[in-house]
């Protein structure tokens, strides 16, 4: 399956910053589905916000943390703090 642009971004972020979540989705066999679902939600919201008059970069600031750049797992935040 070829991942969309947004799904690829989510994959890189989730793999690095949410390894437990990423691994769990992978073991369940639903990783690609969840990545694409996040990508679709991000694309839809981006479109809605931009149709409402927001600029691309403003819309990204709202959308990316909600669907793509999810909050890192606690152990990952601690590792990044000291590296």
PDB file of N, CA and C in Angstrom:
ATOM      1  N   UNK A   1       0.838  -1.188   0.000  1.00  0.00           N
ATOM      2  CA  UNK A   1       0.000   0.000   0.000  1.00  0.00           C
ATOM      3  C   UNK A   1       0.880   1.247   0.000  1.00  0.00           C
ATOM      4  N   UNK A   2       0.599   2.145  -0.903  1.00  0.00           N
ATOM      5  CA  UNK A   2       1.318   3.413  -0.991  1.00  0.00           C
ATOM      6  C   UNK A   2       0.653   4.415  -0.048  1.00  0.00           C
ATOM      7  N   UNK A   3       1.408   4.920   0.926  1.00  0.00           N
ATOM      8  CA  UNK A   3       0.858   5.859   1.890  1.00  0.00           C
ATOM      9  C   UNK A   3       0.789   7.269   1.318  1.00  0.00           C
ATOM     10  N   UNK A   4      -0.216   8.011   1.742  1.00  0.00           N
ATOM     11  CA  UNK A   4      -0.354   9.409   1.340  1.00  0.00           C
ATOM     12  C   UNK A   4       0.726  10.255   2.024  1.00  0.00           C
ATOM     13  N   UNK A   5       0.857  11.477   1.588  1.00  0.00           N
ATOM     14  CA  UNK A   5       1.829  12.416   2.164  1.00  0.00           C
ATOM     15  C   UNK A   5       1.645  12.542   3.675  1.00  0.00           C
ATOM     16  N   UNK A   6       0.401  12.775   4.108  1.00  0.00           N
ATOM     17  CA  UNK A   6       0.124  12.960   5.538  1.00  0.00           C
ATOM     18  C   UNK A   6       0.402  11.678   6.309  1.00  0.00           C
ATOM     19  N   UNK A   7       0.037  10.543   5.744  1.00  0.00           N
ATOM     20  CA  UNK A   7       0.247   9.260   6.411  1.00  0.00           C
ATOM     21  C   UNK A   7       1.745   8.969   6.571  1.00  0.00           C
ATOM     22  N   UNK A   8       2.544   9.330   5.579  1.00  0.00           N
ATOM     23  CA  UNK A   8       3.995   9.150   5.677  1.00  0.00           C
ATOM     24  C   UNK A   8       4.571  10.002   6.799  1.00  0.00           C
ATOM     25  N   UNK A   9       4.078  11.236   6.917  1.00  0.00           N
ATOM     26  CA  UNK A   9       4.532  12.112   8.001  1.00  0.00           C
ATOM     27  C   UNK A   9       4.182  11.503   9.353  1.00  0.00           C
ATOM     28  N   UNK A  10       2.949  11.010   9.475  1.00  0.00           N
ATOM     29  CA  UNK A  10       2.508  10.387  10.722  1.00  0.00           C
ATOM     30  C   UNK A  10       3.357   9.155  11.035  1.00  0.00           C
ATOM     31  N   UNK A  11       3.636   8.353  10.020  1.00  0.00           N
ATOM     32  CA  UNK A  11       4.423   7.132  10.227  1.00  0.00           C
ATOM     33  C   UNK A  11       5.794   7.451  10.821  1.00  0.00           C
ATOM     34  N   UNK A  12       6.465   8.424  10.264  1.00  0.00           N
ATOM     35  CA  UNK A  12       7.792   8.789  10.763  1.00  0.00           C
ATOM     36  C   UNK A  12       7.704   9.287  12.204  1.00  0.00           C
ATOM     37  N   UNK A  13       6.717  10.130  12.477  1.00  0.00           N
ATOM     38  CA  UNK A  13       6.576  10.695  13.820  1.00  0.00           C
ATOM     39  C   UNK A  13       6.182   9.617  14.835  1.00  0.00           C
ATOM     40  N   UNK A  14       5.177   8.836  14.507  1.00  0.00           N
ATOM     41  CA  UNK A  14       4.699   7.819  15.438  1.00  0.00           C
ATOM     42  C   UNK A  14       5.770   6.783  15.736  1.00  0.00           C
ATOM     43  N   UNK A  15       6.503   6.394  14.702  1.00  0.00           N
ATOM     44  CA  UNK A  15       7.545   5.380  14.899  1.00  0.00           C
ATOM     45  C   UNK A  15       8.614   5.875  15.873  1.00  0.00           C
ATOM     46  N   UNK A  16       8.979   7.150  15.760  1.00  0.00           N
ATOM     47  CA  UNK A  16      10.030   7.697  16.620  1.00  0.00           C
ATOM     48  C   UNK A  16       9.525   8.106  17.996  1.00  0.00           C
ATOM     49  N   UNK A  17       8.380   8.771  18.050  1.00  0.00           N
ATOM     50  CA  UNK A  17       7.935   9.374  19.300  1.00  0.00           C
ATOM     51  C   UNK A  17       6.824   8.612  20.025  1.00  0.00           C
ATOM     52  N   UNK A  18       6.199   7.662  19.350  1.00  0.00           N
ATOM     53  CA  UNK A  18       5.151   6.837  19.966  1.00  0.00           C
ATOM     54  C   UNK A  18       5.422   5.361  19.664  1.00  0.00           C
ATOM     55  N   UNK A  19       6.587   4.850  20.041  1.00  0.00           N
ATOM     56  CA  UNK A  19       6.955   3.486  19.652  1.00  0.00           C
ATOM     57  C   UNK A  19       6.016   2.409  20.190  1.00  0.00           C
ATOM     58  N   UNK A  20       5.460   2.611  21.376  1.00  0.00           N
ATOM     59  CA  UNK A  20       4.537   1.609  21.926  1.00  0.00           C
ATOM     60  C   UNK A  20       3.234   1.590  21.132  1.00  0.00           C
ATOM     61  N   UNK A  21       2.712   2.751  20.832  1.00  0.00           N
ATOM     62  CA  UNK A  21       1.485   2.877  20.041  1.00  0.00           C
ATOM     63  C   UNK A  21       1.714   2.299  18.645  1.00  0.00           C
ATOM     64  N   UNK A  22       2.813   2.684  18.034  1.00  0.00           N
ATOM     65  CA  UNK A  22       3.177   2.222  16.690  1.00  0.00           C
ATOM     66  C   UNK A  22       3.255   0.690  16.663  1.00  0.00           C
ATOM     67  N   UNK A  23       3.962   0.140  17.636  1.00  0.00           N
ATOM     68  CA  UNK A  23       4.143  -1.313  17.717  1.00  0.00           C
ATOM     69  C   UNK A  23       2.812  -2.026  17.935  1.00  0.00           C
ATOM     70  N   UNK A  24       1.970  -1.454  18.776  1.00  0.00           N
ATOM     71  CA  UNK A  24       0.664  -2.042  19.046  1.00  0.00           C
ATOM     72  C   UNK A  24      -0.189  -2.091  17.777  1.00  0.00           C
ATOM     73  N   UNK A  25      -0.223  -0.996  17.038  1.00  0.00           N
ATOM     74  CA  UNK A  25      -0.981  -0.962  15.785  1.00  0.00           C
ATOM     75  C   UNK A  25      -0.414  -1.963  14.778  1.00  0.00           C
ATOM     76  N   UNK A  26       0.906  -2.054  14.751  1.00  0.00           N
ATOM     77  CA  UNK A  26       1.572  -2.986  13.832  1.00  0.00           C
ATOM     78  C   UNK A  26       1.202  -4.430  14.172  1.00  0.00           C
ATOM     79  N   UNK A  27       1.241  -4.764  15.453  1.00  0.00           N
ATOM     80  CA  UNK A  27       0.913  -6.128  15.891  1.00  0.00           C
ATOM     81  C   UNK A  27      -0.535  -6.475  15.586  1.00  0.00           C
ATOM     82  N   UNK A  28      -1.423  -5.488  15.664  1.00  0.00           N
ATOM     83  CA  UNK A  28      -2.845  -5.708  15.371  1.00  0.00           C
ATOM     84  C   UNK A  28      -3.116  -5.761  13.868  1.00  0.00           C
ATOM     85  N   UNK A  29      -2.111  -5.388  13.088  1.00  0.00           N
ATOM     86  CA  UNK A  29      -2.265  -5.396  11.638  1.00  0.00           C
ATOM     87  C   UNK A  29      -3.070  -4.233  11.095  1.00  0.00           C
ATOM     88  N   UNK A  30      -3.135  -3.147  11.870  1.00  0.00           N
ATOM     89  CA  UNK A  30      -3.945  -1.992  11.452  1.00  0.00           C
ATOM     90  C   UNK A  30      -3.134  -0.706  11.346  1.00  0.00           C
ATOM     91  N   UNK A  31      -1.822  -0.814  11.341  1.00  0.00           N
ATOM     92  CA  UNK A  31      -0.984   0.377  11.300  1.00  0.00           C
ATOM     93  C   UNK A  31      -1.276   1.238  10.074  1.00  0.00           C
ATOM     94  N   UNK A  32      -1.212   0.655   8.899  1.00  0.00           N
ATOM     95  CA  UNK A  32      -1.416   1.439   7.677  1.00  0.00           C
ATOM     96  C   UNK A  32      -2.819   2.037   7.629  1.00  0.00           C
ATOM     97  N   UNK A  33      -3.810   1.296   8.101  1.00  0.00           N
ATOM     98  CA  UNK A  33      -5.178   1.817   8.147  1.00  0.00           C
ATOM     99  C   UNK A  33      -5.247   3.062   9.022  1.00  0.00           C
ATOM    100  N   UNK A  34      -4.641   2.988  10.198  1.00  0.00           N
ATOM    101  CA  UNK A  34      -4.687   4.104  11.138  1.00  0.00           C
ATOM    102  C   UNK A  34      -3.890   5.296  10.613  1.00  0.00           C
ATOM    103  N   UNK A  35      -2.778   5.033   9.950  1.00  0.00           N
ATOM    104  CA  UNK A  35      -1.994   6.115   9.353  1.00  0.00           C
ATOM    105  C   UNK A  35      -2.811   6.835   8.284  1.00  0.00           C
ATOM    106  N   UNK A  36      -3.462   6.057   7.433  1.00  0.00           N
ATOM    107  CA  UNK A  36      -4.282   6.655   6.371  1.00  0.00           C
ATOM    108  C   UNK A  36      -5.486   7.388   6.941  1.00  0.00           C
ATOM    109  N   UNK A  37      -6.071   6.836   7.988  1.00  0.00           N
ATOM    110  CA  UNK A  37      -7.216   7.489   8.623  1.00  0.00           C
ATOM    111  C   UNK A  37      -6.784   8.861   9.179  1.00  0.00           C
ATOM    112  N   UNK A  38      -5.637   8.893   9.837  1.00  0.00           N
ATOM    113  CA  UNK A  38      -5.118  10.165  10.359  1.00  0.00           C
ATOM    114  C   UNK A  38      -4.837  11.132   9.213  1.00  0.00           C
ATOM    115  N   UNK A  39      -4.274  10.612   8.131  1.00  0.00           N
ATOM    116  CA  UNK A  39      -3.983  11.444   6.968  1.00  0.00           C
ATOM    117  C   UNK A  39      -5.229  12.026   6.332  1.00  0.00           C
ATOM    118  N   UNK A  40      -6.267  11.203   6.244  1.00  0.00           N
ATOM    119  CA  UNK A  40      -7.530  11.672   5.662  1.00  0.00           C
ATOM    120  C   UNK A  40      -8.174  12.748   6.536  1.00  0.00           C
ATOM    121  N   UNK A  41      -8.159  12.532   7.846  1.00  0.00           N
ATOM    122  CA  UNK A  41      -8.731  13.521   8.757  1.00  0.00           C
ATOM    123  C   UNK A  41      -7.963  14.835   8.663  1.00  0.00           C
ATOM    124  N   UNK A  42      -6.639  14.740   8.589  1.00  0.00           N
ATOM    125  CA  UNK A  42      -5.815  15.943   8.470  1.00  0.00           C
ATOM    126  C   UNK A  42      -6.126  16.680   7.172  1.00  0.00           C
ATOM    127  N   UNK A  43      -6.194  15.960   6.072  1.00  0.00           N
ATOM    128  CA  UNK A  43      -6.469  16.578   4.776  1.00  0.00           C
ATOM    129  C   UNK A  43      -7.850  17.229   4.760  1.00  0.00           C
ATOM    130  N   UNK A  44      -8.837  16.535   5.331  1.00  0.00           N
ATOM    131  CA  UNK A  44     -10.198  17.088   5.377  1.00  0.00           C
ATOM    132  C   UNK A  44     -10.241  18.378   6.187  1.00  0.00           C
ATOM    133  N   UNK A  45      -9.623  18.358   7.357  1.00  0.00           N
ATOM    134  CA  UNK A  45      -9.650  19.546   8.203  1.00  0.00           C
ATOM    135  C   UNK A  45      -8.866  20.689   7.560  1.00  0.00           C
ATOM    136  N   UNK A  46      -7.748  20.353   6.928  1.00  0.00           N
ATOM    137  CA  UNK A  46      -6.965  21.388   6.224  1.00  0.00           C
ATOM    138  C   UNK A  46      -7.846  22.067   5.174  1.00  0.00           C
ATOM    139  N   UNK A  47      -8.556  21.266   4.395  1.00  0.00           N
ATOM    140  CA  UNK A  47      -9.432  21.811   3.368  1.00  0.00           C
ATOM    141  C   UNK A  47     -10.507  22.703   3.953  1.00  0.00           C
ATOM    142  N   UNK A  48     -11.125  22.236   5.023  1.00  0.00           N
ATOM    143  CA  UNK A  48     -12.187  23.028   5.666  1.00  0.00           C
ATOM    144  C   UNK A  48     -11.651  24.361   6.185  1.00  0.00           C
ATOM    145  N   UNK A  49     -10.518  24.314   6.851  1.00  0.00           N
ATOM    146  CA  UNK A  49      -9.942  25.539   7.410  1.00  0.00           C
ATOM    147  C   UNK A  49      -9.540  26.524   6.319  1.00  0.00           C
ATOM    148  N   UNK A  50      -8.954  26.003   5.250  1.00  0.00           N
ATOM    149  CA  UNK A  50      -8.523  26.878   4.168  1.00  0.00           C
ATOM    150  C   UNK A  50      -9.720  27.443   3.405  1.00  0.00           C
ATOM    151  N   UNK A  51     -10.768  26.657   3.269  1.00  0.00           N
ATOM    152  CA  UNK A  51     -11.999  27.171   2.649  1.00  0.00           C
ATOM    153  C   UNK A  51     -12.595  28.285   3.496  1.00  0.00           C
ATOM    154  N   UNK A  52     -12.371  28.207   4.799  1.00  0.00           N
ATOM    155  CA  UNK A  52     -12.859  29.220   5.721  1.00  0.00           C
ATOM    156  C   UNK A  52     -11.996  30.465   5.767  1.00  0.00           C
ATOM    157  N   UNK A  53     -10.926  30.467   4.983  1.00  0.00           N
ATOM    158  CA  UNK A  53     -10.098  31.663   4.885  1.00  0.00           C
ATOM    159  C   UNK A  53      -8.726  31.584   5.528  1.00  0.00           C
ATOM    160  N   UNK A  54      -8.406  30.480   6.147  1.00  0.00           N
ATOM    161  CA  UNK A  54      -7.083  30.349   6.756  1.00  0.00           C
ATOM    162  C   UNK A  54      -6.023  30.088   5.701  1.00  0.00           C
ATOM    163  N   UNK A  55      -4.838  30.582   5.982  1.00  0.00           N
ATOM    164  CA  UNK A  55      -3.697  30.275   5.105  1.00  0.00           C
ATOM    165  C   UNK A  55      -3.200  28.869   5.429  1.00  0.00           C
ATOM    166  N   UNK A  56      -2.484  28.292   4.486  1.00  0.00           N
ATOM    167  CA  UNK A  56      -1.991  26.915   4.605  1.00  0.00           C
ATOM    168  C   UNK A  56      -1.194  26.716   5.892  1.00  0.00           C
ATOM    169  N   UNK A  57      -0.254  27.585   6.160  1.00  0.00           N
ATOM    170  CA  UNK A  57       0.596  27.403   7.344  1.00  0.00           C
ATOM    171  C   UNK A  57      -0.197  27.547   8.642  1.00  0.00           C
ATOM    172  N   UNK A  58      -1.209  28.402   8.658  1.00  0.00           N
ATOM    173  CA  UNK A  58      -2.050  28.550   9.844  1.00  0.00           C
ATOM    174  C   UNK A  58      -2.863  27.278  10.085  1.00  0.00           C
ATOM    175  N   UNK A  59      -3.400  26.731   9.013  1.00  0.00           N
ATOM    176  CA  UNK A  59      -4.182  25.504   9.113  1.00  0.00           C
ATOM    177  C   UNK A  59      -3.302  24.346   9.592  1.00  0.00           C
ATOM    178  N   UNK A  60      -2.089  24.273   9.088  1.00  0.00           N
ATOM    179  CA  UNK A  60      -1.168  23.208   9.516  1.00  0.00           C
ATOM    180  C   UNK A  60      -0.887  23.274  11.008  1.00  0.00           C
ATOM    181  N   UNK A  61      -0.758  24.479  11.544  1.00  0.00           N
ATOM    182  CA  UNK A  61      -0.485  24.636  12.981  1.00  0.00           C
ATOM    183  C   UNK A  61      -1.596  24.038  13.831  1.00  0.00           C
ATOM    184  N   UNK A  62      -2.793  24.036  13.314  1.00  0.00           N
ATOM    185  CA  UNK A  62      -3.937  23.471  14.030  1.00  0.00           C
ATOM    186  C   UNK A  62      -4.049  21.971  13.774  1.00  0.00           C
ATOM    187  N   UNK A  63      -3.901  21.580  12.540  1.00  0.00           N
ATOM    188  CA  UNK A  63      -4.164  20.200  12.125  1.00  0.00           C
ATOM    189  C   UNK A  63      -3.068  19.222  12.523  1.00  0.00           C
ATOM    190  N   UNK A  64      -1.823  19.571  12.299  1.00  0.00           N
ATOM    191  CA  UNK A  64      -0.738  18.607  12.520  1.00  0.00           C
ATOM    192  C   UNK A  64      -0.690  18.046  13.937  1.00  0.00           C
ATOM    193  N   UNK A  65      -0.789  18.869  14.986  1.00  0.00           N
ATOM    194  CA  UNK A  65      -0.749  18.282  16.332  1.00  0.00           C
ATOM    195  C   UNK A  65      -1.951  17.391  16.648  1.00  0.00           C
ATOM    196  N   UNK A  66      -3.062  17.617  15.978  1.00  0.00           N
ATOM    197  CA  UNK A  66      -4.268  16.830  16.260  1.00  0.00           C
ATOM    198  C   UNK A  66      -4.248  15.444  15.638  1.00  0.00           C
ATOM    199  N   UNK A  67      -3.652  15.331  14.460  1.00  0.00           N
ATOM    200  CA  UNK A  67      -3.748  14.070  13.722  1.00  0.00           C
ATOM    201  C   UNK A  67      -2.408  13.438  13.342  1.00  0.00           C
ATOM    202  N   UNK A  68      -1.381  14.228  13.145  1.00  0.00           N
ATOM    203  CA  UNK A  68      -0.115  13.712  12.622  1.00  0.00           C
ATOM    204  C   UNK A  68       0.979  13.691  13.686  1.00  0.00           C
ATOM    205  N   UNK A  69       1.273  14.833  14.275  1.00  0.00           N
ATOM    206  CA  UNK A  69       2.345  14.943  15.265  1.00  0.00           C
ATOM    207  C   UNK A  69       1.757  14.812  16.665  1.00  0.00           C
ATOM    208  N   UNK A  70       1.306  13.608  16.981  1.00  0.00           N
ATOM    209  CA  UNK A  70       0.690  13.349  18.276  1.00  0.00           C
ATOM    210  C   UNK A  70       1.715  13.520  19.390  1.00  0.00           C
ATOM    211  N   UNK A  71       1.224  13.793  20.585  1.00  0.00           N
ATOM    212  CA  UNK A  71       2.096  14.005  21.743  1.00  0.00           C
ATOM    213  C   UNK A  71       2.950  12.770  21.988  1.00  0.00           C
ATOM    214  N   UNK A  72       4.265  12.966  22.126  1.00  0.00           N
ATOM    215  CA  UNK A  72       5.164  11.828  22.359  1.00  0.00           C
ATOM    216  C   UNK A  72       4.828  11.088  23.646  1.00  0.00           C
ATOM    217  N   UNK A  73       5.140   9.816  23.652  1.00  0.00           N
ATOM    218  CA  UNK A  73       4.982   9.013  24.860  1.00  0.00           C
ATOM    219  C   UNK A  73       5.948   9.541  25.910  1.00  0.00           C
ATOM    220  N   UNK A  74       5.603   9.401  27.179  1.00  0.00           N
ATOM    221  CA  UNK A  74       6.385   9.983  28.266  1.00  0.00           C
ATOM    222  C   UNK A  74       7.848   9.567  28.244  1.00  0.00           C
ATOM    223  N   UNK A  75       8.129   8.293  28.022  1.00  0.00           N
ATOM    224  CA  UNK A  75       9.519   7.847  28.011  1.00  0.00           C
ATOM    225  C   UNK A  75      10.296   8.472  26.854  1.00  0.00           C
ATOM    226  N   UNK A  76       9.637   8.740  25.748  1.00  0.00           N
ATOM    227  CA  UNK A  76      10.298   9.367  24.605  1.00  0.00           C
ATOM    228  C   UNK A  76      10.600  10.830  24.897  1.00  0.00           C
ATOM    229  N   UNK A  77       9.726  11.515  25.614  1.00  0.00           N
ATOM    230  CA  UNK A  77       9.972  12.919  25.964  1.00  0.00           C
ATOM    231  C   UNK A  77      11.191  13.012  26.876  1.00  0.00           C
ATOM    232  N   UNK A  78      11.328  12.093  27.814  1.00  0.00           N
ATOM    233  CA  UNK A  78      12.469  12.091  28.730  1.00  0.00           C
ATOM    234  C   UNK A  78      13.752  11.822  27.963  1.00  0.00           C
ATOM    235  N   UNK A  79      13.735  10.891  27.017  1.00  0.00           N
ATOM    236  CA  UNK A  79      14.931  10.589  26.224  1.00  0.00           C
ATOM    237  C   UNK A  79      15.368  11.809  25.422  1.00  0.00           C
ATOM    238  N   UNK A  80      14.419  12.489  24.782  1.00  0.00           N
ATOM    239  CA  UNK A  80      14.751  13.650  23.951  1.00  0.00           C
ATOM    240  C   UNK A  80      15.303  14.786  24.787  1.00  0.00           C
ATOM    241  N   UNK A  81      14.837  14.905  26.020  1.00  0.00           N
ATOM    242  CA  UNK A  81      15.269  15.979  26.908  1.00  0.00           C
ATOM    243  C   UNK A  81      16.776  15.883  27.196  1.00  0.00           C
ATOM    244  N   UNK A  82      17.274  14.666  27.287  1.00  0.00           N
ATOM    245  CA  UNK A  82      18.673  14.472  27.660  1.00  0.00           C
ATOM    246  C   UNK A  82      19.591  14.167  26.476  1.00  0.00           C
ATOM    247  N   UNK A  83      19.070  14.135  25.293  1.00  0.00           N
ATOM    248  CA  UNK A  83      19.911  13.876  24.109  1.00  0.00           C
ATOM    249  C   UNK A  83      20.236  15.144  23.388  1.00  0.00           C
TER     250      UNK A  83
END
